[in-house]
Amino acid sequence: MGAQQTYEWAINYPDAVARAAPIAGTAKGTAHNCLLVESFIEAINSDPAWDGGWYKDAQDVHRGLRRHARLFVLSGLTPTFFNQGIWKKVGFSSVDDFVTGFSESHFVQQDPNDLILLLSKWKDYDASRIAGGDLTHALSRIKAKTFVIAIEEDGFFPLADIAAEQKRVPDSALKLVSSSWGHLALFGFDPVYNEFIDAYLKELLAQT
C-alpha cells in the first residue's frame, strides 16, 4: 500500500512533504480495482475452514489462501510473463512450480484475517475523504514535487487510472516503467524495472 501511504502523507501534511513518488497505485480505488480486491477476499473466505474468521489455526485456511495466491499472480503478472516463460529466470521449472513455490508459499504463511484487513485497506482507501469526497480538491493540496510512477502493464493499477489522477496533482510528472512482471515488478526481480525506479528517484531527489 505504499502509493496510498505516499498520497496520504502528501495530502494531509503538504507543508512537511517536499517530494513524493507514489509508485504503481492510486489515491482512490476505482470500481474495477475494488471488484478485483473483493475477489481476493472472497477467495480466502470461501474456504469453509475460515469459519467467519473464527478459525483455530491460520494454516487450516490454506485452501482459501492458495485460491487467493493464484488469483493474485494471475492479475498481478502479465500474460507475457507466463507465456514467454519468464518464471524460468527466477529458478522455477514450470508455471505450476512458480505459482506453488512463489505465490502460494508466500501467502499460505500469512494469517487470513490479517491478510483480509490489508486487502480491505487497499480496497477502501480514499484520499478524497479529507475534502468531502472531492478527489480533485484533495490532490490539489499536494505541494510536493511529485513523480507519479506507473507500470505500463500493471493489471492492478492500470496506466489510464494513474494518469488520470496525476493530471490533478500540481507540479507533478508522470513517469513510466515497462515490465513483464506487471505490478509484481515491485517485488524487485526485474533489474530493468529497478534501474528505472532508481533513476526516477535520483532525479526527483535532485529537484530543487
N, C-alpha and C. Protein backbone atom coordinates (compact mmCIF):
# COMPACT_ATOMS: atom_id res chain seq x y z
N MET A 1 0.83 -1.21 0.00
CA MET A 1 0.00 0.00 0.00
C MET A 1 0.87 1.26 0.00
N GLY A 2 2.06 1.16 -0.55
CA GLY A 2 3.00 2.28 -0.49
C GLY A 2 2.52 3.54 -1.17
N ALA A 3 1.92 3.41 -2.35
CA ALA A 3 1.43 4.60 -3.05
C ALA A 3 0.32 5.27 -2.26
N GLN A 4 -0.56 4.47 -1.65
CA GLN A 4 -1.63 5.03 -0.84
C GLN A 4 -1.06 5.83 0.32
N GLN A 5 -0.05 5.28 0.99
CA GLN A 5 0.54 5.98 2.13
C GLN A 5 1.24 7.25 1.68
N THR A 6 1.87 7.21 0.51
CA THR A 6 2.53 8.40 -0.03
C THR A 6 1.51 9.51 -0.26
N TYR A 7 0.39 9.16 -0.89
CA TYR A 7 -0.67 10.16 -1.10
C TYR A 7 -1.21 10.68 0.24
N GLU A 8 -1.37 9.77 1.19
CA GLU A 8 -1.90 10.16 2.49
C GLU A 8 -1.01 11.24 3.14
N TRP A 9 0.27 11.01 3.14
CA TRP A 9 1.19 11.98 3.75
C TRP A 9 1.21 13.29 2.97
N ALA A 10 1.32 13.18 1.63
CA ALA A 10 1.45 14.38 0.81
C ALA A 10 0.20 15.26 0.86
N ILE A 11 -0.96 14.63 0.97
CA ILE A 11 -2.23 15.38 1.01
C ILE A 11 -2.50 15.95 2.40
N ASN A 12 -2.26 15.15 3.42
CA ASN A 12 -2.58 15.57 4.78
C ASN A 12 -1.52 16.48 5.41
N TYR A 13 -0.27 16.37 4.94
CA TYR A 13 0.81 17.17 5.50
C TYR A 13 1.58 17.87 4.38
N PRO A 14 0.89 18.71 3.60
CA PRO A 14 1.53 19.30 2.42
C PRO A 14 2.75 20.16 2.72
N ASP A 15 2.80 20.77 3.90
CA ASP A 15 3.94 21.63 4.23
C ASP A 15 5.14 20.83 4.72
N ALA A 16 4.94 19.57 5.03
CA ALA A 16 6.02 18.74 5.55
C ALA A 16 6.64 17.84 4.48
N VAL A 17 5.91 17.57 3.42
CA VAL A 17 6.39 16.65 2.37
C VAL A 17 6.90 17.46 1.18
N ALA A 18 8.21 17.42 0.95
CA ALA A 18 8.82 18.21 -0.12
C ALA A 18 8.82 17.47 -1.46
N ARG A 19 8.95 16.15 -1.40
CA ARG A 19 8.98 15.34 -2.62
C ARG A 19 8.17 14.07 -2.39
N ALA A 20 7.50 13.62 -3.42
CA ALA A 20 6.68 12.41 -3.28
C ALA A 20 6.76 11.60 -4.56
N ALA A 21 6.75 10.27 -4.40
CA ALA A 21 6.80 9.38 -5.57
C ALA A 21 5.87 8.19 -5.35
N PRO A 22 4.57 8.40 -5.50
CA PRO A 22 3.66 7.25 -5.44
C PRO A 22 3.94 6.31 -6.61
N ILE A 23 4.22 5.05 -6.31
CA ILE A 23 4.60 4.08 -7.33
C ILE A 23 3.50 3.03 -7.50
N ALA A 24 2.96 2.94 -8.71
CA ALA A 24 2.01 1.88 -9.08
C ALA A 24 0.82 1.81 -8.13
N GLY A 25 0.17 2.94 -7.94
CA GLY A 25 -1.00 2.96 -7.08
C GLY A 25 -1.80 4.23 -7.28
N THR A 26 -3.00 4.25 -6.71
CA THR A 26 -3.88 5.40 -6.87
C THR A 26 -4.28 5.98 -5.51
N ALA A 27 -4.81 7.18 -5.56
CA ALA A 27 -5.26 7.85 -4.35
C ALA A 27 -6.69 7.45 -3.98
N LYS A 28 -7.36 6.80 -4.90
CA LYS A 28 -8.71 6.31 -4.65
C LYS A 28 -8.96 5.11 -5.54
N GLY A 29 -9.54 4.07 -4.97
CA GLY A 29 -9.80 2.86 -5.74
C GLY A 29 -10.90 3.06 -6.77
N THR A 30 -10.69 2.55 -7.97
CA THR A 30 -11.73 2.58 -9.00
C THR A 30 -12.70 1.42 -8.76
N ALA A 31 -13.82 1.45 -9.46
CA ALA A 31 -14.80 0.37 -9.34
C ALA A 31 -14.16 -0.96 -9.73
N HIS A 32 -13.36 -0.95 -10.78
CA HIS A 32 -12.68 -2.17 -11.24
C HIS A 32 -11.72 -2.67 -10.17
N ASN A 33 -10.94 -1.75 -9.59
CA ASN A 33 -9.96 -2.14 -8.58
C ASN A 33 -10.63 -2.71 -7.34
N CYS A 34 -11.74 -2.11 -6.93
CA CYS A 34 -12.45 -2.60 -5.76
C CYS A 34 -13.01 -4.00 -6.00
N LEU A 35 -13.52 -4.24 -7.20
CA LEU A 35 -14.05 -5.56 -7.53
C LEU A 35 -12.94 -6.60 -7.54
N LEU A 36 -11.79 -6.22 -8.04
CA LEU A 36 -10.64 -7.12 -8.06
C LEU A 36 -10.26 -7.54 -6.65
N VAL A 37 -10.17 -6.57 -5.75
CA VAL A 37 -9.77 -6.88 -4.38
C VAL A 37 -10.85 -7.69 -3.67
N GLU A 38 -12.10 -7.41 -3.95
CA GLU A 38 -13.18 -8.21 -3.37
C GLU A 38 -13.05 -9.67 -3.77
N SER A 39 -12.60 -9.92 -5.00
CA SER A 39 -12.43 -11.31 -5.45
C SER A 39 -11.31 -12.00 -4.68
N PHE A 40 -10.26 -11.24 -4.31
CA PHE A 40 -9.18 -11.80 -3.49
C PHE A 40 -9.72 -12.19 -2.11
N ILE A 41 -10.51 -11.29 -1.53
CA ILE A 41 -11.06 -11.54 -0.20
C ILE A 41 -12.00 -12.74 -0.22
N GLU A 42 -12.84 -12.80 -1.25
CA GLU A 42 -13.80 -13.91 -1.35
C GLU A 42 -13.09 -15.24 -1.54
N ALA A 43 -11.94 -15.23 -2.22
CA ALA A 43 -11.18 -16.46 -2.40
C ALA A 43 -10.74 -17.01 -1.06
N ILE A 44 -10.37 -16.12 -0.15
CA ILE A 44 -9.92 -16.56 1.18
C ILE A 44 -11.09 -17.07 2.01
N ASN A 45 -12.14 -16.27 2.10
CA ASN A 45 -13.23 -16.68 3.00
C ASN A 45 -14.19 -17.69 2.38
N SER A 46 -13.89 -18.11 1.13
CA SER A 46 -14.68 -19.22 0.55
C SER A 46 -14.29 -20.56 1.15
N ASP A 47 -13.14 -20.59 1.83
CA ASP A 47 -12.68 -21.82 2.48
C ASP A 47 -13.55 -22.06 3.72
N PRO A 48 -14.24 -23.21 3.80
CA PRO A 48 -15.08 -23.48 4.98
C PRO A 48 -14.33 -23.37 6.29
N ALA A 49 -13.02 -23.63 6.26
CA ALA A 49 -12.22 -23.55 7.48
C ALA A 49 -12.07 -22.11 7.98
N TRP A 50 -12.36 -21.15 7.14
CA TRP A 50 -12.27 -19.75 7.58
C TRP A 50 -13.28 -19.48 8.69
N ASP A 51 -14.46 -20.09 8.58
CA ASP A 51 -15.45 -20.09 9.66
C ASP A 51 -15.76 -18.68 10.16
N GLY A 52 -16.00 -17.77 9.20
CA GLY A 52 -16.35 -16.41 9.57
C GLY A 52 -15.24 -15.67 10.27
N GLY A 53 -14.01 -16.16 10.13
CA GLY A 53 -12.87 -15.53 10.78
C GLY A 53 -12.52 -16.13 12.13
N TRP A 54 -13.27 -17.18 12.54
CA TRP A 54 -13.06 -17.78 13.86
C TRP A 54 -12.29 -19.10 13.78
N TYR A 55 -11.44 -19.26 12.77
CA TYR A 55 -10.63 -20.45 12.63
C TYR A 55 -9.71 -20.61 13.84
N LYS A 56 -9.36 -21.86 14.13
CA LYS A 56 -8.47 -22.13 15.26
C LYS A 56 -7.01 -21.90 14.89
N ASP A 57 -6.66 -22.21 13.66
CA ASP A 57 -5.28 -22.10 13.21
C ASP A 57 -5.28 -21.53 11.80
N ALA A 58 -4.43 -20.56 11.55
CA ALA A 58 -4.37 -19.92 10.24
C ALA A 58 -4.10 -20.94 9.13
N GLN A 59 -3.31 -21.96 9.43
CA GLN A 59 -2.97 -22.96 8.42
C GLN A 59 -4.19 -23.79 8.00
N ASP A 60 -5.24 -23.79 8.81
CA ASP A 60 -6.45 -24.51 8.44
C ASP A 60 -7.10 -23.91 7.20
N VAL A 61 -6.80 -22.63 6.93
CA VAL A 61 -7.44 -21.92 5.82
C VAL A 61 -6.54 -21.92 4.59
N HIS A 62 -5.67 -22.90 4.49
CA HIS A 62 -4.68 -22.90 3.42
C HIS A 62 -5.31 -23.00 2.04
N ARG A 63 -6.46 -23.65 1.91
CA ARG A 63 -7.10 -23.75 0.59
C ARG A 63 -7.55 -22.37 0.10
N GLY A 64 -8.15 -21.60 0.99
CA GLY A 64 -8.56 -20.25 0.63
C GLY A 64 -7.37 -19.36 0.32
N LEU A 65 -6.31 -19.50 1.09
CA LEU A 65 -5.10 -18.71 0.86
C LEU A 65 -4.46 -19.08 -0.47
N ARG A 66 -4.53 -20.36 -0.84
CA ARG A 66 -3.97 -20.79 -2.13
C ARG A 66 -4.82 -20.26 -3.28
N ARG A 67 -6.15 -20.24 -3.12
CA ARG A 67 -7.01 -19.67 -4.16
C ARG A 67 -6.66 -18.19 -4.36
N HIS A 68 -6.52 -17.50 -3.25
CA HIS A 68 -6.13 -16.09 -3.33
C HIS A 68 -4.79 -15.93 -4.04
N ALA A 69 -3.83 -16.78 -3.70
CA ALA A 69 -2.50 -16.69 -4.28
C ALA A 69 -2.54 -16.82 -5.80
N ARG A 70 -3.38 -17.72 -6.29
CA ARG A 70 -3.47 -17.93 -7.74
C ARG A 70 -4.12 -16.74 -8.43
N LEU A 71 -5.18 -16.21 -7.85
CA LEU A 71 -5.81 -15.02 -8.42
C LEU A 71 -4.85 -13.85 -8.42
N PHE A 72 -4.08 -13.75 -7.35
CA PHE A 72 -3.15 -12.63 -7.18
C PHE A 72 -2.11 -12.61 -8.29
N VAL A 73 -1.46 -13.74 -8.56
CA VAL A 73 -0.43 -13.74 -9.60
C VAL A 73 -1.04 -13.67 -11.00
N LEU A 74 -2.26 -14.19 -11.15
CA LEU A 74 -2.91 -14.13 -12.45
C LEU A 74 -3.15 -12.70 -12.89
N SER A 75 -3.54 -11.84 -11.95
CA SER A 75 -3.82 -10.44 -12.28
C SER A 75 -2.63 -9.53 -12.01
N GLY A 76 -1.75 -9.95 -11.12
CA GLY A 76 -0.61 -9.12 -10.78
C GLY A 76 0.53 -9.21 -11.77
N LEU A 77 0.63 -10.33 -12.47
CA LEU A 77 1.63 -10.53 -13.51
C LEU A 77 0.98 -10.37 -14.88
N THR A 78 1.79 -10.41 -15.93
CA THR A 78 1.27 -10.22 -17.29
C THR A 78 1.20 -11.55 -18.05
N PRO A 79 0.37 -11.62 -19.10
CA PRO A 79 0.38 -12.82 -19.94
C PRO A 79 1.77 -13.13 -20.49
N THR A 80 2.52 -12.09 -20.82
CA THR A 80 3.88 -12.27 -21.34
C THR A 80 4.75 -13.02 -20.33
N PHE A 81 4.59 -12.70 -19.06
CA PHE A 81 5.39 -13.34 -18.03
C PHE A 81 5.20 -14.86 -18.07
N PHE A 82 3.96 -15.29 -18.22
CA PHE A 82 3.66 -16.72 -18.24
C PHE A 82 3.98 -17.34 -19.60
N ASN A 83 3.54 -16.69 -20.67
CA ASN A 83 3.65 -17.27 -22.00
C ASN A 83 5.08 -17.36 -22.52
N GLN A 84 5.92 -16.45 -22.09
CA GLN A 84 7.32 -16.46 -22.53
C GLN A 84 8.26 -17.10 -21.51
N GLY A 85 7.68 -17.68 -20.48
CA GLY A 85 8.48 -18.43 -19.52
C GLY A 85 9.46 -17.60 -18.71
N ILE A 86 9.07 -16.37 -18.39
CA ILE A 86 9.97 -15.52 -17.61
C ILE A 86 10.19 -16.08 -16.21
N TRP A 87 9.26 -16.90 -15.75
CA TRP A 87 9.41 -17.56 -14.45
C TRP A 87 10.68 -18.41 -14.38
N LYS A 88 11.20 -18.84 -15.55
CA LYS A 88 12.43 -19.63 -15.56
C LYS A 88 13.62 -18.81 -15.03
N LYS A 89 13.57 -17.49 -15.25
CA LYS A 89 14.69 -16.64 -14.86
C LYS A 89 14.84 -16.53 -13.35
N VAL A 90 13.80 -16.89 -12.63
CA VAL A 90 13.88 -16.85 -11.16
C VAL A 90 13.90 -18.26 -10.57
N GLY A 91 14.24 -19.25 -11.43
CA GLY A 91 14.55 -20.58 -10.92
C GLY A 91 13.43 -21.58 -10.84
N PHE A 92 12.32 -21.35 -11.55
CA PHE A 92 11.21 -22.30 -11.49
C PHE A 92 11.15 -23.13 -12.77
N SER A 93 10.62 -24.34 -12.63
CA SER A 93 10.65 -25.30 -13.73
C SER A 93 9.39 -25.31 -14.57
N SER A 94 8.31 -24.75 -14.07
CA SER A 94 7.04 -24.72 -14.79
C SER A 94 6.16 -23.64 -14.18
N VAL A 95 5.04 -23.36 -14.87
CA VAL A 95 4.09 -22.38 -14.33
C VAL A 95 3.55 -22.84 -12.98
N ASP A 96 3.19 -24.13 -12.90
CA ASP A 96 2.68 -24.65 -11.63
C ASP A 96 3.72 -24.56 -10.52
N ASP A 97 4.97 -24.84 -10.88
CA ASP A 97 6.04 -24.75 -9.90
C ASP A 97 6.18 -23.31 -9.41
N PHE A 98 6.06 -22.35 -10.34
CA PHE A 98 6.15 -20.94 -9.96
C PHE A 98 4.99 -20.54 -9.06
N VAL A 99 3.77 -20.88 -9.45
CA VAL A 99 2.61 -20.49 -8.66
C VAL A 99 2.68 -21.09 -7.26
N THR A 100 3.08 -22.36 -7.20
CA THR A 100 3.18 -23.02 -5.89
C THR A 100 4.34 -22.48 -5.07
N GLY A 101 5.51 -22.39 -5.70
CA GLY A 101 6.72 -22.02 -4.97
C GLY A 101 6.85 -20.54 -4.69
N PHE A 102 6.27 -19.71 -5.55
CA PHE A 102 6.40 -18.26 -5.39
C PHE A 102 5.18 -17.66 -4.69
N SER A 103 4.01 -17.86 -5.27
CA SER A 103 2.82 -17.18 -4.75
C SER A 103 2.18 -17.91 -3.58
N GLU A 104 1.93 -19.21 -3.75
CA GLU A 104 1.28 -19.95 -2.66
C GLU A 104 2.16 -19.97 -1.42
N SER A 105 3.45 -20.21 -1.60
CA SER A 105 4.33 -20.28 -0.43
C SER A 105 4.40 -18.94 0.30
N HIS A 106 4.21 -17.84 -0.44
CA HIS A 106 4.21 -16.51 0.17
C HIS A 106 2.96 -16.28 1.02
N PHE A 107 1.81 -16.65 0.47
CA PHE A 107 0.55 -16.31 1.13
C PHE A 107 0.08 -17.36 2.14
N VAL A 108 0.46 -18.61 1.95
CA VAL A 108 -0.05 -19.65 2.85
C VAL A 108 0.51 -19.49 4.26
N GLN A 109 1.58 -18.73 4.40
CA GLN A 109 2.18 -18.50 5.72
C GLN A 109 1.47 -17.37 6.48
N GLN A 110 0.59 -16.65 5.80
CA GLN A 110 0.00 -15.46 6.40
C GLN A 110 -1.29 -15.79 7.16
N ASP A 111 -1.63 -14.92 8.08
CA ASP A 111 -2.87 -15.07 8.82
C ASP A 111 -4.02 -14.55 7.95
N PRO A 112 -5.06 -15.33 7.71
CA PRO A 112 -6.15 -14.91 6.82
C PRO A 112 -6.81 -13.60 7.23
N ASN A 113 -7.09 -13.43 8.53
CA ASN A 113 -7.73 -12.18 8.96
C ASN A 113 -6.81 -10.98 8.75
N ASP A 114 -5.53 -11.16 9.01
CA ASP A 114 -4.57 -10.08 8.78
C ASP A 114 -4.55 -9.71 7.29
N LEU A 115 -4.52 -10.72 6.45
CA LEU A 115 -4.46 -10.50 5.01
C LEU A 115 -5.73 -9.81 4.51
N ILE A 116 -6.88 -10.24 5.01
CA ILE A 116 -8.14 -9.61 4.62
C ILE A 116 -8.17 -8.16 5.07
N LEU A 117 -7.62 -7.87 6.24
CA LEU A 117 -7.55 -6.48 6.71
C LEU A 117 -6.70 -5.63 5.77
N LEU A 118 -5.55 -6.17 5.34
CA LEU A 118 -4.70 -5.45 4.40
C LEU A 118 -5.42 -5.23 3.08
N LEU A 119 -6.08 -6.25 2.59
CA LEU A 119 -6.82 -6.13 1.34
C LEU A 119 -7.95 -5.11 1.46
N SER A 120 -8.60 -5.09 2.59
CA SER A 120 -9.69 -4.13 2.81
C SER A 120 -9.15 -2.70 2.84
N LYS A 121 -7.97 -2.54 3.41
CA LYS A 121 -7.34 -1.22 3.42
C LYS A 121 -7.06 -0.78 2.00
N TRP A 122 -6.56 -1.68 1.18
CA TRP A 122 -6.31 -1.41 -0.24
C TRP A 122 -7.63 -1.00 -0.91
N LYS A 123 -8.66 -1.78 -0.73
CA LYS A 123 -9.94 -1.56 -1.41
C LYS A 123 -10.62 -0.26 -0.98
N ASP A 124 -10.56 0.06 0.30
CA ASP A 124 -11.36 1.15 0.85
C ASP A 124 -10.63 2.49 0.92
N TYR A 125 -9.34 2.51 0.60
CA TYR A 125 -8.62 3.77 0.73
C TYR A 125 -9.18 4.82 -0.22
N ASP A 126 -9.38 6.02 0.31
CA ASP A 126 -9.94 7.12 -0.48
C ASP A 126 -9.38 8.43 0.06
N ALA A 127 -8.39 8.97 -0.63
CA ALA A 127 -7.76 10.21 -0.18
C ALA A 127 -8.69 11.40 -0.22
N SER A 128 -9.80 11.28 -0.94
CA SER A 128 -10.71 12.42 -1.07
C SER A 128 -11.53 12.67 0.19
N ARG A 129 -11.46 11.77 1.16
CA ARG A 129 -12.24 11.97 2.39
C ARG A 129 -11.89 13.28 3.07
N ILE A 130 -10.64 13.69 2.95
CA ILE A 130 -10.21 14.93 3.59
C ILE A 130 -10.88 16.15 2.95
N ALA A 131 -11.39 15.97 1.74
CA ALA A 131 -12.00 17.08 1.00
C ALA A 131 -13.48 16.80 0.71
N GLY A 132 -14.12 16.09 1.60
CA GLY A 132 -15.54 15.82 1.44
C GLY A 132 -15.90 15.01 0.22
N GLY A 133 -14.97 14.18 -0.22
CA GLY A 133 -15.23 13.32 -1.38
C GLY A 133 -14.77 13.92 -2.70
N ASP A 134 -14.18 15.09 -2.68
CA ASP A 134 -13.71 15.76 -3.90
C ASP A 134 -12.23 15.39 -4.11
N LEU A 135 -11.97 14.42 -4.97
CA LEU A 135 -10.60 13.95 -5.17
C LEU A 135 -9.72 15.02 -5.80
N THR A 136 -10.28 15.79 -6.74
CA THR A 136 -9.50 16.85 -7.37
C THR A 136 -9.02 17.85 -6.33
N HIS A 137 -9.91 18.24 -5.43
CA HIS A 137 -9.53 19.19 -4.37
C HIS A 137 -8.49 18.57 -3.44
N ALA A 138 -8.68 17.29 -3.09
CA ALA A 138 -7.72 16.62 -2.21
C ALA A 138 -6.33 16.61 -2.83
N LEU A 139 -6.24 16.22 -4.09
CA LEU A 139 -4.93 16.14 -4.76
C LEU A 139 -4.32 17.53 -4.96
N SER A 140 -5.16 18.54 -5.06
CA SER A 140 -4.65 19.91 -5.25
C SER A 140 -3.94 20.43 -4.00
N ARG A 141 -4.13 19.75 -2.87
CA ARG A 141 -3.46 20.15 -1.63
C ARG A 141 -1.97 19.82 -1.64
N ILE A 142 -1.56 18.93 -2.53
CA ILE A 142 -0.17 18.48 -2.56
C ILE A 142 0.75 19.62 -3.00
N LYS A 143 1.76 19.90 -2.20
CA LYS A 143 2.75 20.92 -2.53
C LYS A 143 4.08 20.29 -2.94
N ALA A 144 4.23 19.02 -2.73
CA ALA A 144 5.49 18.34 -3.03
C ALA A 144 5.76 18.29 -4.53
N LYS A 145 7.03 18.32 -4.88
CA LYS A 145 7.42 17.97 -6.23
C LYS A 145 7.16 16.48 -6.36
N THR A 146 6.31 16.10 -7.30
CA THR A 146 5.81 14.73 -7.33
C THR A 146 6.08 14.04 -8.66
N PHE A 147 6.64 12.84 -8.58
CA PHE A 147 6.73 11.94 -9.72
C PHE A 147 5.71 10.83 -9.48
N VAL A 148 4.70 10.77 -10.30
CA VAL A 148 3.72 9.69 -10.23
C VAL A 148 4.20 8.60 -11.18
N ILE A 149 4.58 7.46 -10.62
CA ILE A 149 5.22 6.41 -11.41
C ILE A 149 4.23 5.27 -11.68
N ALA A 150 4.10 4.90 -12.94
CA ALA A 150 3.17 3.84 -13.34
C ALA A 150 3.90 2.74 -14.10
N ILE A 151 3.47 1.52 -13.89
CA ILE A 151 3.96 0.38 -14.68
C ILE A 151 2.98 0.18 -15.83
N GLU A 152 3.47 0.28 -17.04
CA GLU A 152 2.60 0.28 -18.21
C GLU A 152 1.71 -0.95 -18.30
N GLU A 153 2.21 -2.10 -17.86
CA GLU A 153 1.46 -3.36 -17.99
C GLU A 153 0.72 -3.73 -16.71
N ASP A 154 0.61 -2.81 -15.78
CA ASP A 154 0.04 -3.11 -14.46
C ASP A 154 -1.43 -3.51 -14.57
N GLY A 155 -1.76 -4.71 -14.07
CA GLY A 155 -3.14 -5.18 -14.06
C GLY A 155 -3.90 -4.78 -12.82
N PHE A 156 -3.19 -4.43 -11.76
CA PHE A 156 -3.83 -3.95 -10.52
C PHE A 156 -4.22 -2.49 -10.65
N PHE A 157 -3.26 -1.67 -11.10
CA PHE A 157 -3.48 -0.23 -11.22
C PHE A 157 -3.14 0.19 -12.65
N PRO A 158 -4.10 0.10 -13.57
CA PRO A 158 -3.84 0.41 -14.97
C PRO A 158 -3.31 1.83 -15.18
N LEU A 159 -2.50 1.97 -16.20
CA LEU A 159 -1.87 3.25 -16.52
C LEU A 159 -2.91 4.37 -16.65
N ALA A 160 -4.02 4.10 -17.31
CA ALA A 160 -5.04 5.15 -17.53
C ALA A 160 -5.56 5.70 -16.21
N ASP A 161 -5.72 4.82 -15.21
CA ASP A 161 -6.23 5.27 -13.90
C ASP A 161 -5.21 6.14 -13.19
N ILE A 162 -3.95 5.74 -13.25
CA ILE A 162 -2.89 6.51 -12.59
C ILE A 162 -2.70 7.85 -13.29
N ALA A 163 -2.72 7.83 -14.62
CA ALA A 163 -2.53 9.07 -15.38
C ALA A 163 -3.65 10.07 -15.12
N ALA A 164 -4.86 9.58 -14.97
CA ALA A 164 -5.99 10.47 -14.71
C ALA A 164 -5.83 11.21 -13.39
N GLU A 165 -5.28 10.54 -12.39
CA GLU A 165 -5.04 11.20 -11.11
C GLU A 165 -3.84 12.14 -11.18
N GLN A 166 -2.80 11.73 -11.88
CA GLN A 166 -1.59 12.55 -11.94
C GLN A 166 -1.89 13.94 -12.50
N LYS A 167 -2.81 14.03 -13.44
CA LYS A 167 -3.15 15.32 -14.04
C LYS A 167 -3.72 16.29 -13.01
N ARG A 168 -4.21 15.77 -11.89
CA ARG A 168 -4.81 16.62 -10.86
C ARG A 168 -3.80 17.04 -9.78
N VAL A 169 -2.59 16.50 -9.87
CA VAL A 169 -1.57 16.80 -8.86
C VAL A 169 -0.69 17.96 -9.34
N PRO A 170 -0.68 19.09 -8.64
CA PRO A 170 0.15 20.22 -9.06
C PRO A 170 1.63 19.86 -9.07
N ASP A 171 2.36 20.47 -10.00
CA ASP A 171 3.82 20.30 -10.06
C ASP A 171 4.22 18.83 -10.07
N SER A 172 3.50 18.05 -10.87
CA SER A 172 3.79 16.61 -10.94
C SER A 172 4.15 16.20 -12.36
N ALA A 173 4.78 15.04 -12.47
CA ALA A 173 5.10 14.47 -13.77
C ALA A 173 4.77 12.98 -13.73
N LEU A 174 4.30 12.47 -14.84
CA LEU A 174 4.01 11.05 -14.98
C LEU A 174 5.24 10.35 -15.53
N LYS A 175 5.72 9.35 -14.80
CA LYS A 175 6.89 8.59 -15.21
C LYS A 175 6.48 7.14 -15.46
N LEU A 176 6.93 6.58 -16.56
CA LEU A 176 6.51 5.24 -16.95
C LEU A 176 7.65 4.23 -16.86
N VAL A 177 7.27 3.02 -16.48
CA VAL A 177 8.19 1.89 -16.45
C VAL A 177 7.48 0.72 -17.15
N SER A 178 8.22 -0.04 -17.93
CA SER A 178 7.65 -1.21 -18.58
C SER A 178 8.26 -2.47 -17.98
N SER A 179 7.40 -3.44 -17.64
CA SER A 179 7.91 -4.70 -17.08
C SER A 179 6.92 -5.82 -17.33
N SER A 180 7.42 -6.94 -17.77
CA SER A 180 6.59 -8.13 -17.95
C SER A 180 6.12 -8.69 -16.62
N TRP A 181 6.72 -8.21 -15.54
CA TRP A 181 6.27 -8.61 -14.21
C TRP A 181 5.00 -7.87 -13.80
N GLY A 182 4.57 -6.90 -14.60
CA GLY A 182 3.36 -6.15 -14.24
C GLY A 182 3.52 -5.49 -12.88
N HIS A 183 2.44 -5.49 -12.10
CA HIS A 183 2.50 -4.87 -10.79
C HIS A 183 3.53 -5.55 -9.88
N LEU A 184 3.73 -6.83 -10.08
CA LEU A 184 4.64 -7.55 -9.19
C LEU A 184 6.11 -7.27 -9.48
N ALA A 185 6.36 -6.35 -10.41
CA ALA A 185 7.74 -5.86 -10.56
C ALA A 185 8.21 -5.23 -9.26
N LEU A 186 7.25 -4.82 -8.41
CA LEU A 186 7.61 -4.22 -7.13
C LEU A 186 8.32 -5.22 -6.21
N PHE A 187 8.26 -6.51 -6.54
CA PHE A 187 8.99 -7.49 -5.76
C PHE A 187 10.50 -7.38 -5.98
N GLY A 188 10.91 -6.67 -7.04
CA GLY A 188 12.33 -6.39 -7.23
C GLY A 188 13.10 -7.39 -8.06
N PHE A 189 12.40 -8.30 -8.76
CA PHE A 189 13.10 -9.33 -9.53
C PHE A 189 13.49 -8.87 -10.93
N ASP A 190 12.92 -7.77 -11.41
CA ASP A 190 13.20 -7.29 -12.76
C ASP A 190 14.26 -6.19 -12.68
N PRO A 191 15.49 -6.47 -13.11
CA PRO A 191 16.56 -5.48 -12.99
C PRO A 191 16.30 -4.21 -13.79
N VAL A 192 15.63 -4.34 -14.94
CA VAL A 192 15.34 -3.15 -15.75
C VAL A 192 14.38 -2.23 -15.01
N TYR A 193 13.35 -2.81 -14.40
CA TYR A 193 12.42 -2.03 -13.58
C TYR A 193 13.17 -1.33 -12.46
N ASN A 194 14.03 -2.06 -11.76
CA ASN A 194 14.77 -1.49 -10.65
C ASN A 194 15.63 -0.31 -11.09
N GLU A 195 16.25 -0.43 -12.25
CA GLU A 195 17.11 0.65 -12.76
C GLU A 195 16.30 1.90 -13.05
N PHE A 196 15.11 1.73 -13.65
CA PHE A 196 14.26 2.88 -13.96
C PHE A 196 13.79 3.56 -12.67
N ILE A 197 13.36 2.77 -11.70
CA ILE A 197 12.89 3.34 -10.44
C ILE A 197 14.02 4.10 -9.75
N ASP A 198 15.19 3.52 -9.70
CA ASP A 198 16.34 4.19 -9.07
C ASP A 198 16.63 5.52 -9.77
N ALA A 199 16.58 5.50 -11.10
CA ALA A 199 16.88 6.72 -11.87
C ALA A 199 15.83 7.80 -11.61
N TYR A 200 14.56 7.40 -11.57
CA TYR A 200 13.50 8.38 -11.32
C TYR A 200 13.62 8.98 -9.92
N LEU A 201 13.92 8.15 -8.94
CA LEU A 201 14.02 8.64 -7.57
C LEU A 201 15.23 9.56 -7.40
N LYS A 202 16.34 9.24 -8.07
CA LYS A 202 17.51 10.12 -8.02
C LYS A 202 17.20 11.45 -8.69
N GLU A 203 16.47 11.39 -9.78
CA GLU A 203 16.08 12.63 -10.48
C GLU A 203 15.18 13.48 -9.60
N LEU A 204 14.24 12.83 -8.93
CA LEU A 204 13.30 13.55 -8.06
C LEU A 204 14.04 14.18 -6.87
N LEU A 205 14.93 13.43 -6.26
CA LEU A 205 15.67 13.95 -5.11
C LEU A 205 16.61 15.09 -5.47
N ALA A 206 16.98 15.16 -6.76
CA ALA A 206 17.86 16.23 -7.20
C ALA A 206 17.11 17.51 -7.51
N GLN A 207 15.79 17.44 -7.52
CA GLN A 207 14.97 18.62 -7.82
C GLN A 207 15.13 19.65 -6.70
N THR A 208 15.12 20.91 -7.09
CA THR A 208 15.20 21.98 -6.09
C THR A 208 13.90 22.77 -6.05
